[in-house]
Amino acid sequence: MEVKTLEDKDLKKDEKLYIKGIRLVNSVKIDYKTQKHVSFIVKGDNELHNVMYFDEKSQDKKWQCDCKWYTLQNKLCSHIIAANLAMKN
């Protein structure tokens, strides 16, 4: 399965989140892969976060995170940005 990363323009929409994502990129690890999704572990400032990529979901739901920001805002978070940047490198 190929992980389709988000476009740079989408990753850079919020400069503060993008900068934090760059800072977190070295803490991204792939937890596991299946034929339909990939699980990433991202070490945030205070805790570990689970970022998931779902191949079968619609474009706006392919990337999800368990952090409070994503859960409450339903917007791109620094952990998803970091996972995308790690996959691009």
PDB file of N, CA and C in Angstrom:
ATOM      1  N   MET A   1       0.834  -1.170   0.000  1.00  0.00           N
ATOM      2  CA  MET A   1       0.000   0.000   0.000  1.00  0.00           C
ATOM      3  C   MET A   1       0.887   1.245   0.000  1.00  0.00           C
ATOM      4  N   GLU A   2       0.484   2.209  -0.806  1.00  0.00           N
ATOM      5  CA  GLU A   2       1.200   3.472  -0.879  1.00  0.00           C
ATOM      6  C   GLU A   2       0.488   4.510   0.003  1.00  0.00           C
ATOM      7  N   VAL A   3       1.245   5.132   0.882  1.00  0.00           N
ATOM      8  CA  VAL A   3       0.701   6.202   1.717  1.00  0.00           C
ATOM      9  C   VAL A   3       0.749   7.489   0.908  1.00  0.00           C
ATOM     10  N   LYS A   4      -0.412   8.111   0.734  1.00  0.00           N
ATOM     11  CA  LYS A   4      -0.491   9.365  -0.012  1.00  0.00           C
ATOM     12  C   LYS A   4      -0.370  10.521   0.966  1.00  0.00           C
ATOM     13  N   THR A   5       0.771  11.190   0.920  1.00  0.00           N
ATOM     14  CA  THR A   5       0.994  12.304   1.828  1.00  0.00           C
ATOM     15  C   THR A   5       0.200  13.525   1.381  1.00  0.00           C
ATOM     16  N   LEU A   6      -0.043  14.394   2.324  1.00  0.00           N
ATOM     17  CA  LEU A   6      -0.761  15.632   2.042  1.00  0.00           C
ATOM     18  C   LEU A   6       0.130  16.584   1.249  1.00  0.00           C
ATOM     19  N   GLU A   7      -0.478  17.466   0.500  1.00  0.00           N
ATOM     20  CA  GLU A   7       0.276  18.432  -0.286  1.00  0.00           C
ATOM     21  C   GLU A   7       0.934  19.451   0.633  1.00  0.00           C
ATOM     22  N   ASP A   8       2.079  19.968   0.192  1.00  0.00           N
ATOM     23  CA  ASP A   8       2.824  20.936   0.997  1.00  0.00           C
ATOM     24  C   ASP A   8       1.966  22.145   1.373  1.00  0.00           C
ATOM     25  N   LYS A   9       1.150  22.621   0.452  1.00  0.00           N
ATOM     26  CA  LYS A   9       0.321  23.799   0.747  1.00  0.00           C
ATOM     27  C   LYS A   9      -0.641  23.519   1.897  1.00  0.00           C
ATOM     28  N   ASP A  10      -1.120  22.289   2.017  1.00  0.00           N
ATOM     29  CA  ASP A  10      -2.015  21.925   3.115  1.00  0.00           C
ATOM     30  C   ASP A  10      -1.247  21.793   4.433  1.00  0.00           C
ATOM     31  N   LEU A  11      -0.027  21.249   4.355  1.00  0.00           N
ATOM     32  CA  LEU A  11       0.791  21.092   5.556  1.00  0.00           C
ATOM     33  C   LEU A  11       1.216  22.444   6.128  1.00  0.00           C
ATOM     34  N   LYS A  12       1.366  23.438   5.259  1.00  0.00           N
ATOM     35  CA  LYS A  12       1.881  24.748   5.668  1.00  0.00           C
ATOM     36  C   LYS A  12       0.789  25.782   5.950  1.00  0.00           C
ATOM     37  N   LYS A  13      -0.464  25.375   5.955  1.00  0.00           N
ATOM     38  CA  LYS A  13      -1.576  26.330   6.188  1.00  0.00           C
ATOM     39  C   LYS A  13      -1.429  27.080   7.499  1.00  0.00           C
ATOM     40  N   ASP A  14      -1.080  26.379   8.552  1.00  0.00           N
ATOM     41  CA  ASP A  14      -0.886  26.995   9.869  1.00  0.00           C
ATOM     42  C   ASP A  14       0.607  26.937  10.185  1.00  0.00           C
ATOM     43  N   GLU A  15       1.263  28.093  10.120  1.00  0.00           N
ATOM     44  CA  GLU A  15       2.725  28.140  10.267  1.00  0.00           C
ATOM     45  C   GLU A  15       3.207  27.570  11.597  1.00  0.00           C
ATOM     46  N   LYS A  16       2.491  27.866  12.697  1.00  0.00           N
ATOM     47  CA  LYS A  16       2.904  27.369  14.017  1.00  0.00           C
ATOM     48  C   LYS A  16       2.849  25.839  14.072  1.00  0.00           C
ATOM     49  N   LEU A  17       1.773  25.262  13.548  1.00  0.00           N
ATOM     50  CA  LEU A  17       1.664  23.797  13.541  1.00  0.00           C
ATOM     51  C   LEU A  17       2.722  23.177  12.646  1.00  0.00           C
ATOM     52  N   TYR A  18       3.003  23.816  11.515  1.00  0.00           N
ATOM     53  CA  TYR A  18       4.018  23.300  10.591  1.00  0.00           C
ATOM     54  C   TYR A  18       5.401  23.300  11.253  1.00  0.00           C
ATOM     55  N   ILE A  19       5.740  24.376  11.923  1.00  0.00           N
ATOM     56  CA  ILE A  19       7.035  24.467  12.612  1.00  0.00           C
ATOM     57  C   ILE A  19       7.131  23.398  13.698  1.00  0.00           C
ATOM     58  N   LYS A  20       6.050  23.198  14.435  1.00  0.00           N
ATOM     59  CA  LYS A  20       6.051  22.144  15.465  1.00  0.00           C
ATOM     60  C   LYS A  20       6.170  20.768  14.812  1.00  0.00           C
ATOM     61  N   GLY A  21       5.499  20.571  13.673  1.00  0.00           N
ATOM     62  CA  GLY A  21       5.612  19.309  12.948  1.00  0.00           C
ATOM     63  C   GLY A  21       7.043  19.026  12.520  1.00  0.00           C
ATOM     64  N   ILE A  22       7.748  20.054  12.070  1.00  0.00           N
ATOM     65  CA  ILE A  22       9.155  19.899  11.685  1.00  0.00           C
ATOM     66  C   ILE A  22       9.972  19.464  12.901  1.00  0.00           C
ATOM     67  N   ARG A  23       9.689  20.080  14.040  1.00  0.00           N
ATOM     68  CA  ARG A  23      10.405  19.732  15.271  1.00  0.00           C
ATOM     69  C   ARG A  23      10.149  18.288  15.699  1.00  0.00           C
ATOM     70  N   LEU A  24       8.947  17.779  15.410  1.00  0.00           N
ATOM     71  CA  LEU A  24       8.584  16.421  15.839  1.00  0.00           C
ATOM     72  C   LEU A  24       8.948  15.330  14.833  1.00  0.00           C
ATOM     73  N   VAL A  25       9.388  15.704  13.646  1.00  0.00           N
ATOM     74  CA  VAL A  25       9.558  14.722  12.566  1.00  0.00           C
ATOM     75  C   VAL A  25      10.502  13.571  12.949  1.00  0.00           C
ATOM     76  N   ASN A  26      11.514  13.847  13.756  1.00  0.00           N
ATOM     77  CA  ASN A  26      12.452  12.788  14.139  1.00  0.00           C
ATOM     78  C   ASN A  26      11.899  11.838  15.193  1.00  0.00           C
ATOM     79  N   SER A  27      10.732  12.160  15.730  1.00  0.00           N
ATOM     80  CA  SER A  27      10.129  11.288  16.745  1.00  0.00           C
ATOM     81  C   SER A  27       9.063  10.360  16.146  1.00  0.00           C
ATOM     82  N   VAL A  28       8.906  10.381  14.828  1.00  0.00           N
ATOM     83  CA  VAL A  28       7.870   9.569  14.167  1.00  0.00           C
ATOM     84  C   VAL A  28       8.396   8.153  13.920  1.00  0.00           C
ATOM     85  N   LYS A  29       7.617   7.188  14.330  1.00  0.00           N
ATOM     86  CA  LYS A  29       7.937   5.769  14.087  1.00  0.00           C
ATOM     87  C   LYS A  29       6.704   5.079  13.530  1.00  0.00           C
ATOM     88  N   ILE A  30       6.899   4.176  12.602  1.00  0.00           N
ATOM     89  CA  ILE A  30       5.777   3.364  12.117  1.00  0.00           C
ATOM     90  C   ILE A  30       5.534   2.276  13.147  1.00  0.00           C
ATOM     91  N   ASP A  31       4.309   2.197  13.624  1.00  0.00           N
ATOM     92  CA  ASP A  31       3.919   1.186  14.602  1.00  0.00           C
ATOM     93  C   ASP A  31       3.600  -0.121  13.891  1.00  0.00           C
ATOM     94  N   TYR A  32       2.705  -0.060  12.899  1.00  0.00           N
ATOM     95  CA  TYR A  32       2.393  -1.246  12.086  1.00  0.00           C
ATOM     96  C   TYR A  32       1.719  -0.828  10.796  1.00  0.00           C
ATOM     97  N   LYS A  33       1.704  -1.762   9.838  1.00  0.00           N
ATOM     98  CA  LYS A  33       1.056  -1.547   8.542  1.00  0.00           C
ATOM     99  C   LYS A  33       0.151  -2.729   8.245  1.00  0.00           C
ATOM    100  N   THR A  34      -0.970  -2.439   7.588  1.00  0.00           N
ATOM    101  CA  THR A  34      -1.806  -3.489   7.022  1.00  0.00           C
ATOM    102  C   THR A  34      -2.021  -3.121   5.560  1.00  0.00           C
ATOM    103  N   GLN A  35      -2.859  -3.851   4.879  1.00  0.00           N
ATOM    104  CA  GLN A  35      -3.143  -3.530   3.481  1.00  0.00           C
ATOM    105  C   GLN A  35      -3.980  -2.269   3.345  1.00  0.00           C
ATOM    106  N   LYS A  36      -4.664  -1.849   4.412  1.00  0.00           N
ATOM    107  CA  LYS A  36      -5.566  -0.705   4.313  1.00  0.00           C
ATOM    108  C   LYS A  36      -5.200   0.483   5.187  1.00  0.00           C
ATOM    109  N   HIS A  37      -4.281   0.309   6.137  1.00  0.00           N
ATOM    110  CA  HIS A  37      -3.890   1.456   6.946  1.00  0.00           C
ATOM    111  C   HIS A  37      -2.488   1.302   7.532  1.00  0.00           C
ATOM    112  N   VAL A  38      -1.974   2.456   7.975  1.00  0.00           N
ATOM    113  CA  VAL A  38      -0.667   2.507   8.619  1.00  0.00           C
ATOM    114  C   VAL A  38      -0.839   3.265   9.934  1.00  0.00           C
ATOM    115  N   SER A  39      -0.224   2.755  10.989  1.00  0.00           N
ATOM    116  CA  SER A  39      -0.253   3.394  12.295  1.00  0.00           C
ATOM    117  C   SER A  39       1.131   3.956  12.605  1.00  0.00           C
ATOM    118  N   PHE A  40       1.164   5.228  12.991  1.00  0.00           N
ATOM    119  CA  PHE A  40       2.403   5.899  13.367  1.00  0.00           C
ATOM    120  C   PHE A  40       2.327   6.259  14.846  1.00  0.00           C
ATOM    121  N   ILE A  41       3.458   6.215  15.513  1.00  0.00           N
ATOM    122  CA  ILE A  41       3.583   6.717  16.872  1.00  0.00           C
ATOM    123  C   ILE A  41       4.434   7.987  16.772  1.00  0.00           C
ATOM    124  N   VAL A  42       3.894   9.077  17.331  1.00  0.00           N
ATOM    125  CA  VAL A  42       4.609  10.355  17.318  1.00  0.00           C
ATOM    126  C   VAL A  42       4.775  10.803  18.767  1.00  0.00           C
ATOM    127  N   LYS A  43       6.020  11.022  19.165  1.00  0.00           N
ATOM    128  CA  LYS A  43       6.273  11.494  20.524  1.00  0.00           C
ATOM    129  C   LYS A  43       6.100  13.001  20.543  1.00  0.00           C
ATOM    130  N   GLY A  44       5.019  13.453  21.161  1.00  0.00           N
ATOM    131  CA  GLY A  44       4.741  14.878  21.292  1.00  0.00           C
ATOM    132  C   GLY A  44       5.539  15.474  22.437  1.00  0.00           C
ATOM    133  N   ASP A  45       5.187  16.682  22.825  1.00  0.00           N
ATOM    134  CA  ASP A  45       5.912  17.352  23.911  1.00  0.00           C
ATOM    135  C   ASP A  45       5.753  16.622  25.239  1.00  0.00           C
ATOM    136  N   ASN A  46       4.554  16.067  25.483  1.00  0.00           N
ATOM    137  CA  ASN A  46       4.290  15.462  26.788  1.00  0.00           C
ATOM    138  C   ASN A  46       3.881  14.001  26.740  1.00  0.00           C
ATOM    139  N   GLU A  47       3.471  13.520  25.587  1.00  0.00           N
ATOM    140  CA  GLU A  47       2.979  12.139  25.515  1.00  0.00           C
ATOM    141  C   GLU A  47       3.086  11.595  24.094  1.00  0.00           C
ATOM    142  N   LEU A  48       2.835  10.297  23.968  1.00  0.00           N
ATOM    143  CA  LEU A  48       2.822   9.649  22.658  1.00  0.00           C
ATOM    144  C   LEU A  48       1.449   9.802  22.025  1.00  0.00           C
ATOM    145  N   HIS A  49       1.438   9.984  20.712  1.00  0.00           N
ATOM    146  CA  HIS A  49       0.184  10.093  19.977  1.00  0.00           C
ATOM    147  C   HIS A  49       0.156   9.072  18.861  1.00  0.00           C
ATOM    148  N   ASN A  50      -1.039   8.582  18.586  1.00  0.00           N
ATOM    149  CA  ASN A  50      -1.235   7.624  17.514  1.00  0.00           C
ATOM    150  C   ASN A  50      -1.824   8.350  16.313  1.00  0.00           C
ATOM    151  N   VAL A  51      -1.078   8.339  15.218  1.00  0.00           N
ATOM    152  CA  VAL A  51      -1.547   8.922  13.958  1.00  0.00           C
ATOM    153  C   VAL A  51      -1.846   7.761  13.020  1.00  0.00           C
ATOM    154  N   MET A  52      -3.015   7.796  12.422  1.00  0.00           N
ATOM    155  CA  MET A  52      -3.426   6.717  11.518  1.00  0.00           C
ATOM    156  C   MET A  52      -3.634   7.248  10.114  1.00  0.00           C
ATOM    157  N   TYR A  53      -3.219   6.438   9.139  1.00  0.00           N
ATOM    158  CA  TYR A  53      -3.506   6.702   7.732  1.00  0.00           C
ATOM    159  C   TYR A  53      -4.419   5.588   7.249  1.00  0.00           C
ATOM    160  N   PHE A  54      -5.608   5.951   6.738  1.00  0.00           N
ATOM    161  CA  PHE A  54      -6.591   4.996   6.246  1.00  0.00           C
ATOM    162  C   PHE A  54      -6.706   5.132   4.732  1.00  0.00           C
ATOM    163  N   ASP A  55      -6.263   4.145   4.000  1.00  0.00           N
ATOM    164  CA  ASP A  55      -6.284   4.190   2.543  1.00  0.00           C
ATOM    165  C   ASP A  55      -7.702   4.211   1.990  1.00  0.00           C
ATOM    166  N   GLU A  56      -8.628   3.529   2.656  1.00  0.00           N
ATOM    167  CA  GLU A  56      -9.976   3.360   2.116  1.00  0.00           C
ATOM    168  C   GLU A  56     -10.916   4.533   2.421  1.00  0.00           C
ATOM    169  N   LYS A  57     -10.512   5.469   3.265  1.00  0.00           N
ATOM    170  CA  LYS A  57     -11.406   6.570   3.640  1.00  0.00           C
ATOM    171  C   LYS A  57     -11.319   7.720   2.644  1.00  0.00           C
ATOM    172  N   SER A  58     -12.303   8.627   2.729  1.00  0.00           N
ATOM    173  CA  SER A  58     -12.316   9.794   1.846  1.00  0.00           C
ATOM    174  C   SER A  58     -11.094  10.675   2.125  1.00  0.00           C
ATOM    175  N   GLN A  59     -10.758  11.528   1.181  1.00  0.00           N
ATOM    176  CA  GLN A  59      -9.542  12.331   1.259  1.00  0.00           C
ATOM    177  C   GLN A  59      -9.421  13.110   2.567  1.00  0.00           C
ATOM    178  N   ASP A  60     -10.502  13.693   3.053  1.00  0.00           N
ATOM    179  CA  ASP A  60     -10.431  14.509   4.266  1.00  0.00           C
ATOM    180  C   ASP A  60     -10.377  13.683   5.557  1.00  0.00           C
ATOM    181  N   LYS A  61     -10.518  12.376   5.464  1.00  0.00           N
ATOM    182  CA  LYS A  61     -10.462  11.511   6.653  1.00  0.00           C
ATOM    183  C   LYS A  61      -9.331  10.488   6.594  1.00  0.00           C
ATOM    184  N   LYS A  62      -8.480  10.558   5.578  1.00  0.00           N
ATOM    185  CA  LYS A  62      -7.388   9.594   5.458  1.00  0.00           C
ATOM    186  C   LYS A  62      -6.423   9.670   6.644  1.00  0.00           C
ATOM    187  N   TRP A  63      -6.143  10.892   7.112  1.00  0.00           N
ATOM    188  CA  TRP A  63      -5.215  11.102   8.214  1.00  0.00           C
ATOM    189  C   TRP A  63      -5.995  11.473   9.471  1.00  0.00           C
ATOM    190  N   GLN A  64      -5.731  10.756  10.577  1.00  0.00           N
ATOM    191  CA  GLN A  64      -6.396  11.037  11.847  1.00  0.00           C
ATOM    192  C   GLN A  64      -5.386  10.904  12.990  1.00  0.00           C
ATOM    193  N   CYS A  65      -5.650  11.620  14.071  1.00  0.00           N
ATOM    194  CA  CYS A  65      -4.774  11.582  15.239  1.00  0.00           C
ATOM    195  C   CYS A  65      -5.619  11.492  16.505  1.00  0.00           C
ATOM    196  N   ASP A  66      -5.041  10.932  17.553  1.00  0.00           N
ATOM    197  CA  ASP A  66      -5.775  10.810  18.815  1.00  0.00           C
ATOM    198  C   ASP A  66      -5.530  11.977  19.762  1.00  0.00           C
ATOM    199  N   CYS A  67      -4.819  13.005  19.302  1.00  0.00           N
ATOM    200  CA  CYS A  67      -4.529  14.133  20.190  1.00  0.00           C
ATOM    201  C   CYS A  67      -5.778  14.982  20.424  1.00  0.00           C
ATOM    202  N   LYS A  68      -5.741  15.771  21.485  1.00  0.00           N
ATOM    203  CA  LYS A  68      -6.875  16.599  21.872  1.00  0.00           C
ATOM    204  C   LYS A  68      -7.200  17.630  20.786  1.00  0.00           C
ATOM    205  N   TRP A  69      -6.174  18.252  20.180  1.00  0.00           N
ATOM    206  CA  TRP A  69      -6.389  19.263  19.147  1.00  0.00           C
ATOM    207  C   TRP A  69      -7.187  18.681  17.989  1.00  0.00           C
ATOM    208  N   TYR A  70      -6.737  17.538  17.454  1.00  0.00           N
ATOM    209  CA  TYR A  70      -7.437  16.940  16.317  1.00  0.00           C
ATOM    210  C   TYR A  70      -8.845  16.500  16.715  1.00  0.00           C
ATOM    211  N   THR A  71      -8.970  15.908  17.880  1.00  0.00           N
ATOM    212  CA  THR A  71     -10.266  15.393  18.331  1.00  0.00           C
ATOM    213  C   THR A  71     -11.292  16.512  18.504  1.00  0.00           C
ATOM    214  N   LEU A  72     -10.880  17.632  19.079  1.00  0.00           N
ATOM    215  CA  LEU A  72     -11.816  18.726  19.330  1.00  0.00           C
ATOM    216  C   LEU A  72     -12.021  19.648  18.131  1.00  0.00           C
ATOM    217  N   GLN A  73     -10.963  19.883  17.381  1.00  0.00           N
ATOM    218  CA  GLN A  73     -11.026  20.830  16.267  1.00  0.00           C
ATOM    219  C   GLN A  73     -11.330  20.167  14.921  1.00  0.00           C
ATOM    220  N   ASN A  74     -11.020  18.859  14.836  1.00  0.00           N
ATOM    221  CA  ASN A  74     -11.142  18.124  13.570  1.00  0.00           C
ATOM    222  C   ASN A  74     -10.358  18.825  12.457  1.00  0.00           C
ATOM    223  N   LYS A  75      -9.153  19.288  12.848  1.00  0.00           N
ATOM    224  CA  LYS A  75      -8.248  19.961  11.927  1.00  0.00           C
ATOM    225  C   LYS A  75      -6.883  19.303  11.998  1.00  0.00           C
ATOM    226  N   LEU A  76      -6.104  19.533  10.968  1.00  0.00           N
ATOM    227  CA  LEU A  76      -4.739  19.030  10.895  1.00  0.00           C
ATOM    228  C   LEU A  76      -3.965  19.418  12.149  1.00  0.00           C
ATOM    229  N   CYS A  77      -3.226  18.477  12.714  1.00  0.00           N
ATOM    230  CA  CYS A  77      -2.420  18.752  13.907  1.00  0.00           C
ATOM    231  C   CYS A  77      -0.938  18.572  13.586  1.00  0.00           C
ATOM    232  N   SER A  78      -0.098  18.987  14.511  1.00  0.00           N
ATOM    233  CA  SER A  78       1.351  18.891  14.303  1.00  0.00           C
ATOM    234  C   SER A  78       1.818  17.438  14.193  1.00  0.00           C
ATOM    235  N   HIS A  79       1.107  16.501  14.802  1.00  0.00           N
ATOM    236  CA  HIS A  79       1.501  15.088  14.754  1.00  0.00           C
ATOM    237  C   HIS A  79       1.259  14.520  13.351  1.00  0.00           C
ATOM    238  N   ILE A  80       0.138  14.887  12.736  1.00  0.00           N
ATOM    239  CA  ILE A  80      -0.144  14.462  11.361  1.00  0.00           C
ATOM    240  C   ILE A  80       0.862  15.104  10.413  1.00  0.00           C
ATOM    241  N   ILE A  81       1.171  16.375  10.642  1.00  0.00           N
ATOM    242  CA  ILE A  81       2.174  17.054   9.819  1.00  0.00           C
ATOM    243  C   ILE A  81       3.510  16.341   9.927  1.00  0.00           C
ATOM    244  N   ALA A  82       3.912  16.010  11.154  1.00  0.00           N
ATOM    245  CA  ALA A  82       5.198  15.324  11.374  1.00  0.00           C
ATOM    246  C   ALA A  82       5.222  13.963  10.660  1.00  0.00           C
ATOM    247  N   ALA A  83       4.137  13.199  10.730  1.00  0.00           N
ATOM    248  CA  ALA A  83       4.075  11.903  10.059  1.00  0.00           C
ATOM    249  C   ALA A  83       4.185  12.073   8.544  1.00  0.00           C
ATOM    250  N   ASN A  84       3.521  13.091   8.002  1.00  0.00           N
ATOM    251  CA  ASN A  84       3.604  13.359   6.562  1.00  0.00           C
ATOM    252  C   ASN A  84       5.027  13.739   6.164  1.00  0.00           C
ATOM    253  N   LEU A  85       5.648  14.610   6.928  1.00  0.00           N
ATOM    254  CA  LEU A  85       7.028  15.036   6.616  1.00  0.00           C
ATOM    255  C   LEU A  85       7.987  13.851   6.703  1.00  0.00           C
ATOM    256  N   ALA A  86       7.784  12.982   7.693  1.00  0.00           N
ATOM    257  CA  ALA A  86       8.640  11.792   7.823  1.00  0.00           C
ATOM    258  C   ALA A  86       8.485  10.875   6.612  1.00  0.00           C
ATOM    259  N   MET A  87       7.262  10.725   6.127  1.00  0.00           N
ATOM    260  CA  MET A  87       7.028   9.869   4.956  1.00  0.00           C
ATOM    261  C   MET A  87       7.627  10.473   3.686  1.00  0.00           C
ATOM    262  N   LYS A  88       7.696  11.793   3.612  1.00  0.00           N
ATOM    263  CA  LYS A  88       8.260  12.463   2.435  1.00  0.00           C
ATOM    264  C   LYS A  88       9.775  12.354   2.408  1.00  0.00           C
ATOM    265  N   ASN A  89      10.385  12.199   3.593  1.00  0.00           N
ATOM    266  CA  ASN A  89      11.873  12.145   3.670  1.00  0.00           C
ATOM    267  C   ASN A  89      12.393  10.774   3.476  1.00  0.00           C
TER     268      ASN A  89
END
